[in-house]
Amino acid sequence: MTRFLVAPLFAGLAAAAIASSAFAAPVLGQPAPAFQAVDASGKTRSLAEFKGKTVVLEWTNNGCPYVQKHYNSGNMQGLQSQATKDGVVWLTLISSAPGMQGYLTGPQAAQWKAKEKAPVTSVLLDPKGVVGRAYDAKTTPHMYIVDKAGKLVYMGGIDDKPSSDPASLQGATNYVTAALADVKAGRAVAQAATRPYGCSVKYGSAD
């Protein structure tokens, strides 16, 4: 009897291995996970189209108080503005599933971007969480930086003050600002991995 169970058992283990590798955590210094996603205007965008540019990926959720701290204060927009003026591509991703906090349709995302006066390159919609899971995005905000060679050089929190209180911005060390300065200067990023904080990304069940 046992010999008839061996093949299904190994088949099951192989399937589990494939499933887990599909969402393996990204690795610093390695090529950033490739992706495609539809933006707020309905256009399909990809990481590959920005080859040769520094790219920031920002996970967001407009209902999250941690995100609101950075947007209501203008802190996030200031960071976005400085980065894009330096030629950085800034992609804001929404991985909230339909019916979950932070989910926005394309028109709603465009309206939110305009309301917040967010000078980002594009707002990308990821309602199935495919991109979010590929990057192991856990919180909003959760920040990543991809260098001009397409390698992941930073992942983690936006700063060192894990609070939703706007007063915590005073004296905060902004990890993204520091990492972008290192990248611009051609240096290795001094703090390449930090602990993200915020609301959990509101994924739906995986397909």
N, C-alpha and C. Protein backbone atom coordinates (compact mmCIF):
# COMPACT_ATOMS: atom_id res chain seq x y z
N MET A 1 0.83 -1.20 0.00
CA MET A 1 0.00 0.00 0.00
C MET A 1 0.86 1.25 0.00
N THR A 2 1.96 1.19 0.73
CA THR A 2 2.78 2.39 0.89
C THR A 2 3.29 2.92 -0.44
N ARG A 3 3.71 1.98 -1.36
CA ARG A 3 4.31 2.43 -2.60
C ARG A 3 3.33 3.27 -3.44
N PHE A 4 2.01 3.09 -3.22
CA PHE A 4 1.04 3.85 -3.99
C PHE A 4 0.85 5.25 -3.41
N LEU A 5 1.32 5.46 -2.20
CA LEU A 5 1.16 6.78 -1.57
C LEU A 5 2.38 7.66 -1.77
N VAL A 6 3.51 7.06 -2.19
CA VAL A 6 4.74 7.83 -2.31
C VAL A 6 4.63 8.90 -3.38
N ALA A 7 4.14 8.54 -4.56
CA ALA A 7 4.05 9.51 -5.66
C ALA A 7 3.15 10.68 -5.32
N PRO A 8 1.91 10.45 -4.81
CA PRO A 8 1.08 11.59 -4.44
C PRO A 8 1.72 12.45 -3.36
N LEU A 9 2.44 11.80 -2.43
CA LEU A 9 3.07 12.56 -1.35
C LEU A 9 4.12 13.50 -1.92
N PHE A 10 5.00 12.96 -2.81
CA PHE A 10 6.03 13.81 -3.39
C PHE A 10 5.44 14.87 -4.30
N ALA A 11 4.36 14.53 -4.98
CA ALA A 11 3.69 15.51 -5.83
C ALA A 11 3.16 16.66 -4.99
N GLY A 12 2.61 16.31 -3.83
CA GLY A 12 2.09 17.35 -2.93
C GLY A 12 3.19 18.24 -2.41
N LEU A 13 4.33 17.62 -2.04
CA LEU A 13 5.47 18.40 -1.54
C LEU A 13 6.01 19.32 -2.63
N ALA A 14 6.06 18.82 -3.86
CA ALA A 14 6.56 19.63 -4.97
C ALA A 14 5.65 20.83 -5.21
N ALA A 15 4.34 20.58 -5.15
CA ALA A 15 3.37 21.67 -5.36
C ALA A 15 3.51 22.72 -4.28
N ALA A 16 3.72 22.27 -3.04
CA ALA A 16 3.89 23.21 -1.93
C ALA A 16 5.15 24.04 -2.12
N ALA A 17 6.21 23.38 -2.59
CA ALA A 17 7.47 24.10 -2.81
C ALA A 17 7.32 25.15 -3.89
N ILE A 18 6.63 24.80 -4.97
CA ILE A 18 6.39 25.75 -6.05
C ILE A 18 5.57 26.92 -5.56
N ALA A 19 4.54 26.64 -4.76
CA ALA A 19 3.67 27.70 -4.25
C ALA A 19 4.44 28.65 -3.36
N SER A 20 5.31 28.10 -2.49
CA SER A 20 6.05 28.96 -1.58
C SER A 20 7.10 29.77 -2.33
N SER A 21 7.73 29.19 -3.37
CA SER A 21 8.75 29.91 -4.11
C SER A 21 8.14 31.04 -4.93
N ALA A 22 6.85 30.89 -5.29
CA ALA A 22 6.19 31.94 -6.06
C ALA A 22 6.13 33.23 -5.27
N PHE A 23 6.10 33.14 -3.96
CA PHE A 23 6.04 34.33 -3.12
C PHE A 23 7.26 34.41 -2.19
N ALA A 24 8.41 33.96 -2.70
CA ALA A 24 9.63 34.06 -1.89
C ALA A 24 9.94 35.52 -1.65
N ALA A 25 10.47 35.81 -0.47
CA ALA A 25 10.79 37.18 -0.11
C ALA A 25 11.86 37.73 -1.04
N PRO A 26 11.77 39.00 -1.43
CA PRO A 26 12.80 39.61 -2.28
C PRO A 26 14.12 39.68 -1.52
N VAL A 27 15.22 39.72 -2.27
CA VAL A 27 16.55 39.70 -1.66
C VAL A 27 17.31 40.96 -2.03
N LEU A 28 17.85 41.62 -1.02
CA LEU A 28 18.66 42.81 -1.26
C LEU A 28 19.87 42.48 -2.14
N GLY A 29 20.17 43.37 -3.07
CA GLY A 29 21.31 43.17 -3.95
C GLY A 29 21.02 42.27 -5.14
N GLN A 30 19.81 41.70 -5.18
CA GLN A 30 19.39 40.85 -6.29
C GLN A 30 18.36 41.60 -7.13
N PRO A 31 18.13 41.14 -8.37
CA PRO A 31 17.12 41.80 -9.20
C PRO A 31 15.77 41.88 -8.49
N ALA A 32 15.16 43.04 -8.53
CA ALA A 32 13.85 43.22 -7.92
C ALA A 32 12.82 42.39 -8.69
N PRO A 33 11.84 41.82 -8.00
CA PRO A 33 10.83 41.02 -8.69
C PRO A 33 10.14 41.81 -9.81
N ALA A 34 10.10 41.21 -10.98
CA ALA A 34 9.43 41.85 -12.13
C ALA A 34 7.92 41.84 -11.89
N PHE A 35 7.25 42.84 -12.44
CA PHE A 35 5.79 42.86 -12.30
C PHE A 35 5.15 43.72 -13.37
N GLN A 36 3.87 43.49 -13.55
CA GLN A 36 3.00 44.35 -14.35
C GLN A 36 1.78 44.67 -13.51
N ALA A 37 1.26 45.88 -13.65
CA ALA A 37 0.05 46.27 -12.93
C ALA A 37 -0.63 47.39 -13.70
N VAL A 38 -1.93 47.46 -13.55
CA VAL A 38 -2.71 48.52 -14.22
C VAL A 38 -2.69 49.76 -13.34
N ASP A 39 -2.48 50.91 -13.96
CA ASP A 39 -2.47 52.14 -13.17
C ASP A 39 -3.86 52.75 -13.08
N ALA A 40 -3.95 53.89 -12.40
CA ALA A 40 -5.25 54.51 -12.14
C ALA A 40 -5.98 54.90 -13.43
N SER A 41 -5.23 55.11 -14.50
CA SER A 41 -5.85 55.49 -15.79
C SER A 41 -6.22 54.29 -16.64
N GLY A 42 -5.88 53.08 -16.16
CA GLY A 42 -6.19 51.87 -16.91
C GLY A 42 -5.06 51.37 -17.78
N LYS A 43 -3.91 52.04 -17.73
CA LYS A 43 -2.75 51.64 -18.53
C LYS A 43 -1.93 50.60 -17.79
N THR A 44 -1.46 49.58 -18.51
CA THR A 44 -0.60 48.57 -17.91
C THR A 44 0.82 49.09 -17.83
N ARG A 45 1.36 49.08 -16.64
CA ARG A 45 2.74 49.52 -16.41
C ARG A 45 3.56 48.34 -15.93
N SER A 46 4.86 48.42 -16.11
CA SER A 46 5.73 47.34 -15.65
C SER A 46 6.99 47.94 -15.05
N LEU A 47 7.65 47.17 -14.20
CA LEU A 47 8.92 47.61 -13.66
C LEU A 47 9.95 47.72 -14.79
N ALA A 48 9.87 46.82 -15.76
CA ALA A 48 10.85 46.78 -16.85
C ALA A 48 10.89 48.07 -17.66
N GLU A 49 9.76 48.77 -17.76
CA GLU A 49 9.75 49.99 -18.58
C GLU A 49 10.58 51.11 -17.96
N PHE A 50 10.94 50.96 -16.70
CA PHE A 50 11.74 51.99 -16.02
C PHE A 50 13.19 51.56 -15.84
N LYS A 51 13.62 50.60 -16.63
CA LYS A 51 15.01 50.14 -16.58
C LYS A 51 15.95 51.32 -16.79
N GLY A 52 16.99 51.39 -15.99
CA GLY A 52 17.95 52.49 -16.10
C GLY A 52 17.61 53.66 -15.22
N LYS A 53 16.50 53.57 -14.47
CA LYS A 53 16.11 54.62 -13.54
C LYS A 53 16.00 54.06 -12.12
N THR A 54 16.21 54.92 -11.15
CA THR A 54 15.96 54.53 -9.76
C THR A 54 14.45 54.55 -9.54
N VAL A 55 13.93 53.51 -8.90
CA VAL A 55 12.49 53.38 -8.70
C VAL A 55 12.18 53.21 -7.21
N VAL A 56 11.23 53.99 -6.73
CA VAL A 56 10.71 53.80 -5.37
C VAL A 56 9.34 53.14 -5.47
N LEU A 57 9.13 52.12 -4.66
CA LEU A 57 7.82 51.48 -4.55
C LEU A 57 7.28 51.80 -3.16
N GLU A 58 6.08 52.34 -3.13
CA GLU A 58 5.44 52.73 -1.86
C GLU A 58 4.08 52.04 -1.75
N TRP A 59 3.93 51.17 -0.75
CA TRP A 59 2.62 50.57 -0.54
C TRP A 59 1.77 51.50 0.32
N THR A 60 0.51 51.70 -0.09
CA THR A 60 -0.34 52.65 0.61
C THR A 60 -1.74 52.11 0.84
N ASN A 61 -2.46 52.78 1.72
CA ASN A 61 -3.86 52.46 2.07
C ASN A 61 -4.42 53.74 2.66
N ASN A 62 -5.30 54.41 1.92
CA ASN A 62 -5.76 55.74 2.35
C ASN A 62 -6.58 55.73 3.64
N GLY A 63 -7.00 54.54 4.10
CA GLY A 63 -7.75 54.46 5.35
C GLY A 63 -6.88 54.19 6.56
N CYS A 64 -5.58 54.00 6.33
CA CYS A 64 -4.66 53.65 7.41
C CYS A 64 -4.16 54.91 8.11
N PRO A 65 -4.27 54.99 9.44
CA PRO A 65 -3.81 56.19 10.15
C PRO A 65 -2.32 56.44 10.03
N TYR A 66 -1.53 55.41 9.82
CA TYR A 66 -0.08 55.61 9.64
C TYR A 66 0.18 56.28 8.28
N VAL A 67 -0.55 55.86 7.27
CA VAL A 67 -0.45 56.51 5.95
C VAL A 67 -0.96 57.94 6.05
N GLN A 68 -2.07 58.13 6.75
CA GLN A 68 -2.64 59.46 6.89
C GLN A 68 -1.67 60.42 7.58
N LYS A 69 -0.90 59.90 8.54
CA LYS A 69 0.11 60.74 9.20
C LYS A 69 1.05 61.36 8.18
N HIS A 70 1.51 60.56 7.26
CA HIS A 70 2.48 61.04 6.28
C HIS A 70 1.86 61.89 5.18
N TYR A 71 0.62 61.60 4.82
CA TYR A 71 -0.03 62.39 3.76
C TYR A 71 -0.67 63.67 4.30
N ASN A 72 -1.36 63.59 5.43
CA ASN A 72 -2.03 64.78 5.97
C ASN A 72 -1.02 65.86 6.37
N SER A 73 0.17 65.44 6.74
CA SER A 73 1.22 66.38 7.13
C SER A 73 1.99 66.92 5.93
N GLY A 74 1.83 66.28 4.78
CA GLY A 74 2.58 66.65 3.59
C GLY A 74 3.97 66.02 3.54
N ASN A 75 4.28 65.19 4.52
CA ASN A 75 5.60 64.56 4.57
C ASN A 75 5.84 63.65 3.37
N MET A 76 4.85 62.82 3.04
CA MET A 76 5.02 61.89 1.93
C MET A 76 5.13 62.65 0.61
N GLN A 77 4.29 63.66 0.42
CA GLN A 77 4.33 64.42 -0.83
C GLN A 77 5.66 65.15 -0.99
N GLY A 78 6.21 65.64 0.14
CA GLY A 78 7.50 66.31 0.07
C GLY A 78 8.60 65.36 -0.37
N LEU A 79 8.56 64.15 0.15
CA LEU A 79 9.54 63.13 -0.21
C LEU A 79 9.38 62.74 -1.68
N GLN A 80 8.13 62.57 -2.11
CA GLN A 80 7.85 62.23 -3.50
C GLN A 80 8.34 63.32 -4.45
N SER A 81 8.08 64.57 -4.08
CA SER A 81 8.46 65.70 -4.92
C SER A 81 9.97 65.79 -5.10
N GLN A 82 10.70 65.67 -4.01
CA GLN A 82 12.15 65.74 -4.08
C GLN A 82 12.71 64.60 -4.91
N ALA A 83 12.16 63.40 -4.71
CA ALA A 83 12.64 62.23 -5.44
C ALA A 83 12.40 62.37 -6.94
N THR A 84 11.19 62.74 -7.32
CA THR A 84 10.87 62.84 -8.75
C THR A 84 11.63 63.98 -9.42
N LYS A 85 11.91 65.05 -8.67
CA LYS A 85 12.73 66.14 -9.23
C LYS A 85 14.14 65.65 -9.53
N ASP A 86 14.60 64.66 -8.77
CA ASP A 86 15.92 64.07 -8.99
C ASP A 86 15.90 62.99 -10.06
N GLY A 87 14.75 62.80 -10.71
CA GLY A 87 14.64 61.82 -11.78
C GLY A 87 14.25 60.43 -11.34
N VAL A 88 13.87 60.30 -10.06
CA VAL A 88 13.44 59.00 -9.54
C VAL A 88 12.01 58.72 -9.98
N VAL A 89 11.74 57.48 -10.35
CA VAL A 89 10.38 57.04 -10.65
C VAL A 89 9.73 56.61 -9.34
N TRP A 90 8.55 57.14 -9.05
CA TRP A 90 7.86 56.82 -7.79
C TRP A 90 6.54 56.12 -8.12
N LEU A 91 6.44 54.88 -7.73
CA LEU A 91 5.23 54.09 -7.98
C LEU A 91 4.55 53.79 -6.65
N THR A 92 3.32 54.26 -6.52
CA THR A 92 2.52 54.02 -5.32
C THR A 92 1.58 52.86 -5.60
N LEU A 93 1.64 51.84 -4.77
CA LEU A 93 0.86 50.63 -5.01
C LEU A 93 -0.24 50.45 -3.98
N ILE A 94 -1.39 50.03 -4.45
CA ILE A 94 -2.54 49.74 -3.59
C ILE A 94 -2.85 48.25 -3.74
N SER A 95 -2.57 47.49 -2.69
CA SER A 95 -2.81 46.04 -2.74
C SER A 95 -4.02 45.62 -1.92
N SER A 96 -4.82 46.58 -1.48
CA SER A 96 -6.05 46.24 -0.76
C SER A 96 -7.01 45.51 -1.69
N ALA A 97 -7.59 44.43 -1.20
CA ALA A 97 -8.55 43.65 -1.98
C ALA A 97 -9.91 44.34 -1.98
N PRO A 98 -10.75 44.06 -2.97
CA PRO A 98 -12.10 44.63 -2.98
C PRO A 98 -12.83 44.35 -1.67
N GLY A 99 -13.47 45.37 -1.14
CA GLY A 99 -14.20 45.23 0.12
C GLY A 99 -13.35 45.45 1.35
N MET A 100 -12.04 45.60 1.16
CA MET A 100 -11.12 45.80 2.28
C MET A 100 -10.73 47.27 2.39
N GLN A 101 -10.28 47.66 3.58
CA GLN A 101 -9.85 49.04 3.80
C GLN A 101 -8.78 49.44 2.78
N GLY A 102 -8.98 50.61 2.18
CA GLY A 102 -7.98 51.13 1.25
C GLY A 102 -8.19 50.74 -0.20
N TYR A 103 -9.13 49.84 -0.49
CA TYR A 103 -9.36 49.44 -1.88
C TYR A 103 -9.90 50.63 -2.67
N LEU A 104 -9.34 50.86 -3.84
CA LEU A 104 -9.80 51.93 -4.71
C LEU A 104 -9.88 51.42 -6.15
N THR A 105 -10.89 51.87 -6.86
CA THR A 105 -10.96 51.61 -8.29
C THR A 105 -10.02 52.61 -8.98
N GLY A 106 -9.83 52.45 -10.28
CA GLY A 106 -8.98 53.37 -11.02
C GLY A 106 -9.40 54.83 -10.85
N PRO A 107 -10.67 55.16 -11.14
CA PRO A 107 -11.10 56.55 -10.98
C PRO A 107 -10.96 57.05 -9.54
N GLN A 108 -11.22 56.19 -8.57
CA GLN A 108 -11.08 56.59 -7.17
C GLN A 108 -9.61 56.85 -6.83
N ALA A 109 -8.72 56.03 -7.37
CA ALA A 109 -7.29 56.22 -7.13
C ALA A 109 -6.80 57.52 -7.75
N ALA A 110 -7.30 57.83 -8.94
CA ALA A 110 -6.92 59.09 -9.59
C ALA A 110 -7.43 60.28 -8.78
N GLN A 111 -8.64 60.15 -8.26
CA GLN A 111 -9.21 61.21 -7.44
C GLN A 111 -8.42 61.39 -6.14
N TRP A 112 -8.03 60.27 -5.54
CA TRP A 112 -7.23 60.32 -4.31
C TRP A 112 -5.89 60.99 -4.57
N LYS A 113 -5.23 60.62 -5.66
CA LYS A 113 -3.94 61.22 -6.02
C LYS A 113 -4.06 62.73 -6.19
N ALA A 114 -5.13 63.16 -6.86
CA ALA A 114 -5.35 64.59 -7.07
C ALA A 114 -5.64 65.31 -5.76
N LYS A 115 -6.47 64.69 -4.92
CA LYS A 115 -6.81 65.29 -3.63
C LYS A 115 -5.58 65.47 -2.76
N GLU A 116 -4.72 64.47 -2.76
CA GLU A 116 -3.52 64.52 -1.92
C GLU A 116 -2.39 65.34 -2.56
N LYS A 117 -2.61 65.73 -3.83
CA LYS A 117 -1.55 66.45 -4.57
C LYS A 117 -0.24 65.66 -4.52
N ALA A 118 -0.36 64.38 -4.76
CA ALA A 118 0.80 63.47 -4.69
C ALA A 118 1.52 63.47 -6.04
N PRO A 119 2.75 63.99 -6.09
CA PRO A 119 3.48 64.09 -7.35
C PRO A 119 4.19 62.79 -7.74
N VAL A 120 3.45 61.70 -7.73
CA VAL A 120 4.05 60.40 -8.02
C VAL A 120 3.98 60.11 -9.51
N THR A 121 4.84 59.22 -9.96
CA THR A 121 4.86 58.85 -11.38
C THR A 121 3.58 58.13 -11.76
N SER A 122 3.13 57.22 -10.88
CA SER A 122 1.93 56.45 -11.18
C SER A 122 1.40 55.79 -9.91
N VAL A 123 0.07 55.63 -9.86
CA VAL A 123 -0.57 54.85 -8.80
C VAL A 123 -0.99 53.53 -9.43
N LEU A 124 -0.48 52.44 -8.90
CA LEU A 124 -0.74 51.12 -9.47
C LEU A 124 -1.72 50.34 -8.61
N LEU A 125 -2.63 49.66 -9.27
CA LEU A 125 -3.68 48.89 -8.59
C LEU A 125 -3.30 47.41 -8.58
N ASP A 126 -3.33 46.84 -7.39
CA ASP A 126 -2.92 45.44 -7.21
C ASP A 126 -3.96 44.72 -6.34
N PRO A 127 -5.24 44.71 -6.79
CA PRO A 127 -6.31 44.19 -5.93
C PRO A 127 -6.21 42.71 -5.61
N LYS A 128 -5.48 41.94 -6.42
CA LYS A 128 -5.29 40.52 -6.12
C LYS A 128 -4.03 40.29 -5.29
N GLY A 129 -3.29 41.35 -5.00
CA GLY A 129 -2.12 41.23 -4.15
C GLY A 129 -0.94 40.53 -4.78
N VAL A 130 -0.92 40.42 -6.10
CA VAL A 130 0.16 39.69 -6.77
C VAL A 130 1.49 40.40 -6.58
N VAL A 131 1.52 41.70 -6.81
CA VAL A 131 2.76 42.45 -6.66
C VAL A 131 3.16 42.54 -5.19
N GLY A 132 2.17 42.81 -4.34
CA GLY A 132 2.45 42.91 -2.91
C GLY A 132 3.06 41.65 -2.34
N ARG A 133 2.53 40.52 -2.73
CA ARG A 133 3.06 39.25 -2.23
C ARG A 133 4.44 38.96 -2.82
N ALA A 134 4.67 39.36 -4.08
CA ALA A 134 5.97 39.15 -4.70
C ALA A 134 7.06 39.91 -3.94
N TYR A 135 6.68 41.06 -3.39
CA TYR A 135 7.64 41.88 -2.62
C TYR A 135 7.54 41.64 -1.12
N ASP A 136 6.65 40.77 -0.72
CA ASP A 136 6.45 40.49 0.70
C ASP A 136 6.11 41.77 1.45
N ALA A 137 5.31 42.63 0.81
CA ALA A 137 4.89 43.89 1.44
C ALA A 137 3.95 43.57 2.59
N LYS A 138 4.26 44.08 3.77
CA LYS A 138 3.51 43.72 4.97
C LYS A 138 2.71 44.87 5.56
N THR A 139 3.16 46.09 5.35
CA THR A 139 2.51 47.22 6.01
C THR A 139 2.25 48.36 5.04
N THR A 140 1.41 49.28 5.49
CA THR A 140 1.26 50.55 4.76
C THR A 140 1.58 51.67 5.74
N PRO A 141 2.67 52.43 5.42
CA PRO A 141 3.52 52.26 4.23
C PRO A 141 4.57 51.16 4.39
N HIS A 142 5.00 50.63 3.26
CA HIS A 142 6.17 49.74 3.20
C HIS A 142 6.92 50.21 1.96
N MET A 143 8.22 50.46 2.12
CA MET A 143 8.98 51.14 1.08
C MET A 143 10.09 50.26 0.51
N TYR A 144 10.30 50.39 -0.79
CA TYR A 144 11.36 49.66 -1.49
C TYR A 144 12.04 50.61 -2.48
N ILE A 145 13.33 50.40 -2.69
CA ILE A 145 14.05 51.17 -3.71
C ILE A 145 14.79 50.20 -4.62
N VAL A 146 14.61 50.41 -5.92
CA VAL A 146 15.27 49.61 -6.95
C VAL A 146 16.26 50.53 -7.66
N ASP A 147 17.51 50.12 -7.79
CA ASP A 147 18.50 51.00 -8.43
C ASP A 147 18.44 50.92 -9.95
N LYS A 148 19.30 51.68 -10.61
CA LYS A 148 19.27 51.77 -12.07
C LYS A 148 19.59 50.45 -12.75
N ALA A 149 20.27 49.58 -12.02
CA ALA A 149 20.60 48.25 -12.56
C ALA A 149 19.47 47.25 -12.34
N GLY A 150 18.39 47.71 -11.70
CA GLY A 150 17.25 46.82 -11.46
C GLY A 150 17.37 45.98 -10.21
N LYS A 151 18.35 46.32 -9.35
CA LYS A 151 18.54 45.54 -8.12
C LYS A 151 17.86 46.24 -6.93
N LEU A 152 17.36 45.42 -6.04
CA LEU A 152 16.72 45.92 -4.83
C LEU A 152 17.80 46.39 -3.86
N VAL A 153 17.76 47.68 -3.49
CA VAL A 153 18.81 48.22 -2.62
C VAL A 153 18.29 48.72 -1.28
N TYR A 154 16.97 48.81 -1.15
CA TYR A 154 16.40 49.19 0.15
C TYR A 154 15.03 48.56 0.28
N MET A 155 14.70 48.12 1.51
CA MET A 155 13.34 47.70 1.81
C MET A 155 13.10 47.87 3.31
N GLY A 156 11.92 48.40 3.63
CA GLY A 156 11.61 48.58 5.04
C GLY A 156 10.69 49.75 5.31
N GLY A 157 10.90 50.38 6.45
CA GLY A 157 10.05 51.47 6.88
C GLY A 157 10.42 52.78 6.23
N ILE A 158 9.52 53.76 6.36
CA ILE A 158 9.80 55.08 5.83
C ILE A 158 10.71 55.86 6.77
N ASP A 159 10.56 55.61 8.08
CA ASP A 159 11.41 56.28 9.06
C ASP A 159 11.51 55.45 10.34
N ASP A 160 12.12 56.05 11.35
CA ASP A 160 12.38 55.29 12.58
C ASP A 160 11.39 55.60 13.71
N LYS A 161 10.23 56.17 13.37
CA LYS A 161 9.22 56.51 14.38
C LYS A 161 7.93 55.74 14.09
N PRO A 162 7.80 54.52 14.61
CA PRO A 162 6.62 53.69 14.34
C PRO A 162 5.38 54.15 15.09
N SER A 163 4.87 55.30 14.71
CA SER A 163 3.72 55.90 15.38
C SER A 163 2.80 56.51 14.33
N SER A 164 1.51 56.61 14.66
CA SER A 164 0.56 57.28 13.77
C SER A 164 0.37 58.74 14.16
N ASP A 165 1.10 59.18 15.19
CA ASP A 165 1.00 60.56 15.67
C ASP A 165 1.86 61.48 14.79
N PRO A 166 1.27 62.50 14.16
CA PRO A 166 2.05 63.40 13.31
C PRO A 166 3.21 64.06 14.04
N ALA A 167 3.09 64.21 15.36
CA ALA A 167 4.17 64.82 16.14
C ALA A 167 5.45 63.98 16.08
N SER A 168 5.30 62.71 15.77
CA SER A 168 6.47 61.82 15.73
C SER A 168 7.37 62.12 14.54
N LEU A 169 6.89 62.92 13.59
CA LEU A 169 7.70 63.28 12.44
C LEU A 169 8.86 64.19 12.85
N GLN A 170 8.65 64.92 13.94
CA GLN A 170 9.71 65.80 14.43
C GLN A 170 10.91 64.97 14.90
N GLY A 171 12.05 65.21 14.29
CA GLY A 171 13.26 64.49 14.69
C GLY A 171 13.37 63.08 14.14
N ALA A 172 12.43 62.67 13.29
CA ALA A 172 12.49 61.31 12.73
C ALA A 172 13.63 61.20 11.71
N THR A 173 14.25 60.06 11.67
CA THR A 173 15.24 59.76 10.63
C THR A 173 14.52 59.10 9.47
N ASN A 174 14.50 59.76 8.32
CA ASN A 174 13.80 59.22 7.16
C ASN A 174 14.75 58.28 6.40
N TYR A 175 14.46 57.00 6.49
CA TYR A 175 15.32 56.00 5.87
C TYR A 175 15.32 56.10 4.34
N VAL A 176 14.18 56.47 3.76
CA VAL A 176 14.07 56.55 2.30
C VAL A 176 14.90 57.71 1.78
N THR A 177 14.82 58.86 2.44
CA THR A 177 15.63 60.00 2.05
C THR A 177 17.11 59.65 2.09
N ALA A 178 17.52 59.00 3.17
CA ALA A 178 18.93 58.63 3.33
C ALA A 178 19.36 57.62 2.27
N ALA A 179 18.51 56.64 1.99
CA ALA A 179 18.85 55.62 1.00
C ALA A 179 18.94 56.22 -0.40
N LEU A 180 18.03 57.13 -0.73
CA LEU A 180 18.07 57.77 -2.04
C LEU A 180 19.32 58.63 -2.19
N ALA A 181 19.74 59.27 -1.10
CA ALA A 181 20.97 60.06 -1.14
C ALA A 181 22.17 59.17 -1.41
N ASP A 182 22.19 57.99 -0.79
CA ASP A 182 23.28 57.04 -1.02
C ASP A 182 23.29 56.58 -2.47
N VAL A 183 22.12 56.26 -2.99
CA VAL A 183 22.02 55.80 -4.37
C VAL A 183 22.47 56.89 -5.34
N LYS A 184 22.02 58.11 -5.10
CA LYS A 184 22.38 59.24 -5.97
C LYS A 184 23.89 59.46 -5.98
N ALA A 185 24.53 59.27 -4.82
CA ALA A 185 25.97 59.49 -4.69
C ALA A 185 26.79 58.30 -5.16
N GLY A 186 26.11 57.22 -5.53
CA GLY A 186 26.82 56.03 -5.99
C GLY A 186 27.39 55.19 -4.87
N ARG A 187 26.88 55.42 -3.66
CA ARG A 187 27.35 54.66 -2.50
C ARG A 187 26.43 53.47 -2.24
N ALA A 188 26.95 52.49 -1.52
CA ALA A 188 26.09 51.41 -1.02
C ALA A 188 25.14 52.02 0.01
N VAL A 189 23.91 51.56 0.04
CA VAL A 189 22.93 52.09 0.99
C VAL A 189 23.34 51.66 2.41
N ALA A 190 23.53 52.64 3.28
CA ALA A 190 24.04 52.37 4.63
C ALA A 190 23.09 51.51 5.44
N GLN A 191 21.81 51.85 5.40
CA GLN A 191 20.79 51.04 6.08
C GLN A 191 19.85 50.50 5.01
N ALA A 192 20.19 49.32 4.53
CA ALA A 192 19.46 48.76 3.38
C ALA A 192 18.18 48.04 3.77
N ALA A 193 18.08 47.62 5.02
CA ALA A 193 16.88 46.91 5.48
C ALA A 193 16.50 47.43 6.85
N THR A 194 15.27 47.89 6.99
CA THR A 194 14.76 48.35 8.28
C THR A 194 13.39 47.73 8.51
N ARG A 195 12.90 47.90 9.70
CA ARG A 195 11.60 47.29 10.03
C ARG A 195 10.46 48.21 9.58
N PRO A 196 9.57 47.71 8.73
CA PRO A 196 8.43 48.53 8.33
C PRO A 196 7.39 48.62 9.45
N TYR A 197 6.62 49.68 9.43
CA TYR A 197 5.54 49.80 10.41
C TYR A 197 4.31 50.38 9.72
N GLY A 198 3.16 50.18 10.34
CA GLY A 198 1.90 50.69 9.78
C GLY A 198 0.79 49.67 9.91
N CYS A 199 -0.24 49.86 9.12
CA CYS A 199 -1.35 48.89 9.09
C CYS A 199 -0.93 47.70 8.23
N SER A 200 -1.46 46.55 8.51
CA SER A 200 -1.17 45.39 7.66
C SER A 200 -1.79 45.62 6.27
N VAL A 201 -1.10 45.12 5.25
CA VAL A 201 -1.66 45.21 3.89
C VAL A 201 -2.92 44.34 3.85
N LYS A 202 -3.98 44.92 3.32
CA LYS A 202 -5.30 44.25 3.37
C LYS A 202 -5.49 43.31 2.17
N TYR A 203 -4.70 42.25 2.15
CA TYR A 203 -4.81 41.27 1.07
C TYR A 203 -6.11 40.49 1.17
N GLY A 204 -6.59 40.06 0.00
CA GLY A 204 -7.67 39.09 -0.03
C GLY A 204 -7.07 37.70 0.05
N SER A 205 -7.89 36.66 -0.04
CA SER A 205 -7.35 35.30 -0.03
C SER A 205 -6.63 35.06 -1.35
N ALA A 206 -5.50 34.36 -1.28
CA ALA A 206 -4.70 34.08 -2.48
C ALA A 206 -5.48 33.14 -3.40
N ASP A 207 -5.38 33.39 -4.69
CA ASP A 207 -6.07 32.54 -5.68
C ASP A 207 -5.35 31.20 -5.77
